[in-house]
Protein backbone atom coordinates (compact mmCIF):
# COMPACT_ATOMS: atom_id res chain seq x y z
CA MET A 1 -0.01 0.05 -0.01
CA ALA A 2 2.80 2.25 0.85
CA ASN A 3 4.82 1.70 -2.45
CA GLY A 4 1.66 2.29 -4.41
CA ARG A 5 0.89 5.88 -2.49
CA ARG A 6 4.73 6.96 -3.17
CA LEU A 7 4.08 5.74 -6.95
CA ALA A 8 0.96 7.86 -7.22
CA ILE A 9 2.81 11.17 -5.31
CA ALA A 10 5.80 10.25 -8.04
CA ALA A 11 3.40 10.14 -10.80
CA LEU A 12 1.47 13.67 -9.70
CA ALA A 13 4.89 15.13 -9.27
CA LEU A 14 5.83 13.88 -12.48
CA LEU A 15 2.74 15.60 -14.21
CA LEU A 16 2.82 18.56 -12.74
CA SER A 17 6.58 19.48 -13.62
CA LEU A 18 5.82 18.42 -17.26
CA GLY A 19 2.91 20.73 -17.29
CA ALA A 20 4.65 23.62 -15.92
CA ALA A 21 7.41 22.83 -18.73
CA TRP A 22 4.87 22.75 -21.40
CA GLY A 23 3.20 26.17 -20.12
CA GLY A 24 -0.03 24.95 -18.98
CA LEU A 25 0.15 26.18 -15.34
CA ARG A 26 -1.03 29.86 -14.46
CA TRP A 27 2.32 31.21 -13.53
CA LEU A 28 3.92 30.17 -16.70
CA ARG A 29 1.35 31.30 -19.09
CA PRO A 30 2.24 33.28 -22.06
CA ALA A 31 0.93 36.55 -23.34
CA ALA A 32 -2.84 35.79 -23.24
CA ASP A 33 -4.73 36.05 -26.77
CA PRO A 34 -8.51 37.30 -26.61
CA ASP A 35 -9.60 33.82 -27.91
CA HIS A 36 -8.71 32.17 -24.67
CA TYR A 37 -10.91 34.48 -22.75
CA SER A 38 -14.75 33.73 -21.90
CA VAL A 39 -17.06 36.23 -19.99
CA VAL A 40 -18.65 34.78 -17.22
CA ASP A 41 -20.72 37.91 -16.06
CA GLY A 42 -20.31 41.66 -16.19
CA ASP A 43 -17.09 41.94 -14.31
CA THR A 44 -15.55 38.61 -14.27
CA LEU A 45 -13.85 36.56 -17.03
CA ALA A 46 -12.34 33.01 -17.38
CA TRP A 47 -8.73 32.80 -19.18
CA ARG A 48 -8.18 29.49 -20.72
CA PRO A 49 -4.18 28.48 -21.45
CA PRO A 50 -3.38 28.29 -24.96
CA ASN A 51 -1.76 24.83 -24.96
CA CYS A 52 -3.32 23.06 -21.61
CA TRP A 53 -1.39 19.74 -21.99
CA LEU A 54 -4.67 18.11 -20.49
CA SER A 55 -6.49 18.68 -23.28
CA SER A 56 -3.87 16.07 -25.34
CA LEU A 57 -5.13 13.58 -22.80
CA GLY A 58 -8.69 14.22 -23.11
CA ILE A 59 -9.23 16.24 -20.06
CA ALA A 60 -10.96 19.53 -19.59
CA CYS A 61 -8.61 22.40 -18.93
CA LEU A 62 -10.06 24.58 -16.19
CA GLY A 63 -9.75 28.32 -17.03
CA GLN A 64 -8.62 30.86 -14.16
CA ARG A 65 -11.29 33.46 -12.96
CA LEU A 66 -10.06 37.20 -13.49
CA ARG A 67 -11.92 39.80 -11.70
CA LEU A 68 -11.81 43.05 -13.09
CA TYR A 69 -10.00 45.25 -10.91
CA GLY A 70 -11.45 48.42 -9.04
CA VAL A 71 -15.61 47.81 -10.41
CA ASP A 72 -18.50 46.29 -9.69
CA ALA A 73 -20.85 45.24 -12.62
CA PHE A 74 -24.36 44.20 -12.65
CA GLU A 75 -25.09 40.73 -11.64
CA GLY A 76 -26.31 38.56 -14.28
CA LYS A 77 -29.75 38.02 -13.09
CA GLN A 78 -30.11 41.91 -12.24
CA ASN A 79 -33.20 44.01 -13.43
CA CYS A 80 -32.81 47.69 -13.27
CA ARG A 81 -35.50 50.27 -13.88
CA ASP A 82 -35.39 53.11 -17.25
CA GLY A 83 -36.51 56.70 -16.79
CA ASP A 84 -39.92 55.57 -17.42
CA GLY A 85 -39.84 52.83 -14.87
CA LYS A 86 -39.59 49.95 -17.49
CA LEU A 87 -37.53 46.83 -16.08
CA TRP A 88 -34.45 46.09 -18.41
CA HIS A 89 -31.94 43.38 -17.85
CA CYS A 90 -29.10 45.53 -16.96
CA GLY A 91 -27.20 42.75 -15.85
CA ALA A 92 -27.28 40.77 -19.12
CA VAL A 93 -26.48 44.11 -20.78
CA ALA A 94 -23.16 44.32 -18.82
CA THR A 95 -22.35 40.95 -19.03
CA THR A 96 -22.80 41.42 -23.34
CA ARG A 97 -20.71 45.04 -23.43
CA LEU A 98 -17.98 42.92 -21.60
CA ARG A 99 -18.08 40.18 -24.11
CA GLN A 100 -18.44 42.85 -27.10
CA LEU A 101 -15.11 44.17 -25.40
CA VAL A 102 -13.30 40.88 -25.17
CA GLU A 103 -13.97 39.85 -28.94
CA ASN A 104 -11.63 42.47 -29.62
CA ALA A 105 -8.33 41.21 -31.34
CA ASP A 106 -6.06 43.79 -29.01
CA PHE A 107 -7.97 42.63 -26.01
CA ALA A 108 -5.64 42.26 -23.40
CA CYS A 109 -5.21 41.74 -19.38
CA ARG A 110 -2.63 41.94 -17.02
CA VAL A 111 -3.28 39.82 -14.11
CA ASP A 112 -2.07 40.92 -10.40
CA HIS A 113 -0.82 37.66 -9.01
CA GLU A 114 -0.67 39.29 -5.33
CA PHE A 115 -4.58 39.68 -5.01
CA ILE A 116 -7.09 36.84 -4.99
CA ASP A 117 -10.67 37.56 -3.86
CA ARG A 118 -12.46 35.04 -1.76
CA HIS A 119 -13.93 33.38 -4.73
CA ALA A 120 -10.20 32.61 -5.61
CA ARG A 121 -10.21 34.70 -8.50
CA GLU A 122 -7.20 37.11 -9.54
CA PHE A 123 -7.64 40.65 -10.21
CA ALA A 124 -6.88 42.11 -13.59
CA VAL A 125 -6.92 45.32 -15.27
CA CYS A 126 -7.74 44.98 -18.96
CA THR A 127 -7.64 47.07 -22.10
CA VAL A 128 -9.14 46.98 -25.46
CA HIS A 129 -8.07 49.75 -28.07
CA GLY A 130 -5.67 51.09 -25.61
CA GLU A 131 -8.91 51.93 -22.98
CA ASP A 132 -9.05 50.48 -19.45
CA VAL A 133 -12.15 48.03 -19.92
CA GLY A 134 -13.41 48.79 -16.30
CA ALA A 135 -13.28 52.44 -17.10
CA ILE A 136 -15.63 51.77 -20.25
CA LEU A 137 -17.87 50.05 -18.36
CA VAL A 138 -17.99 52.29 -15.39
CA HIS A 139 -18.37 55.20 -17.95
CA GLU A 140 -21.37 53.56 -19.69
CA GLY A 141 -23.50 53.34 -16.54
CA LEU A 142 -22.88 49.40 -16.60
CA ALA A 143 -20.77 49.18 -13.62
CA PHE A 144 -19.68 50.89 -10.75
CA ALA A 145 -16.38 52.04 -8.65
CA TYR A 146 -16.00 49.38 -6.14
CA GLY A 147 -13.00 48.34 -3.59
CA ARG A 148 -9.65 50.04 -4.23
CA GLY A 149 -11.12 51.52 -7.69
CA ALA A 150 -10.75 55.33 -6.96
CA GLN A 151 -9.50 55.77 -10.30
CA TYR A 152 -12.95 54.96 -11.65
CA LEU A 153 -14.74 57.54 -9.57
CA PRO A 154 -14.46 60.23 -12.09
CA PHE A 155 -15.80 58.06 -14.57
CA GLU A 156 -19.15 57.18 -12.27
CA ALA A 157 -19.79 60.94 -11.71
CA GLU A 158 -20.03 61.50 -15.23
CA ALA A 159 -22.10 58.66 -16.18
CA LYS A 160 -24.00 59.59 -13.15
CA GLN A 161 -24.30 63.33 -14.76
CA GLU A 162 -25.10 62.06 -18.06
CA ARG A 163 -27.59 60.02 -17.29
CA ARG A 164 -25.82 56.64 -18.69
CA GLY A 165 -26.93 53.50 -18.57
CA ALA A 166 -28.17 52.57 -15.05
CA TRP A 167 -27.96 55.90 -14.16
CA ALA A 168 -31.02 56.98 -16.40
CA GLY A 169 -33.56 55.35 -14.14
CA SER A 170 -33.28 53.19 -10.85
CA PHE A 171 -31.38 50.37 -9.51
CA VAL A 172 -29.48 48.50 -6.65
CA ARG A 173 -26.11 48.63 -6.58
CA PRO A 174 -24.77 44.87 -7.18
CA GLN A 175 -23.18 44.81 -4.04
CA TYR A 176 -26.59 45.37 -2.29
CA PHE A 177 -28.23 43.18 -4.64
CA ARG A 178 -25.76 40.28 -3.87
CA GLU A 179 -27.00 40.56 -0.41
CA GLY A 180 -30.59 40.34 -1.30
CA ALA A 181 -31.63 43.93 -2.14
CA VAL A 182 -34.36 43.83 -5.27
CA GLU A 183 -35.06 46.79 -7.27
């Protein structure tokens, strides 16, 4: 039994070292390509390694979850009201908008490996056409400055003043929606 356990540990160590050598593990990933991102919701992405060695064994490669740094977008199933009081799916709109941005060929993220949230997501600052994706979402009224995202406060103030996105009507901030508040 002890020999079987040692053999299993040795095999696992070999697989991990081979994975590291082939670049499949997150700390060795090459520059990201937009084809390797998928959108989870308005402020969360999944990044898949381009050369995941597990796929050659018929095993699905898991994506690393990335959270946009400093912003909080509407939750996927969250609704808001427009200026006339009509319900609109602001969470779905935020998710769709992030998906549109990710589909651009020059979309890229810089990941901060030092900060990980309670959902095991790393924080990332992403850009498209040289612009900060978080700033775009906040500027369009689909997300809010959040946490350490003080750099997004001017974009939020402008969106509010110009009544862009959710600011045109009424809404519950995503952080309160997650706690059970509803519009």
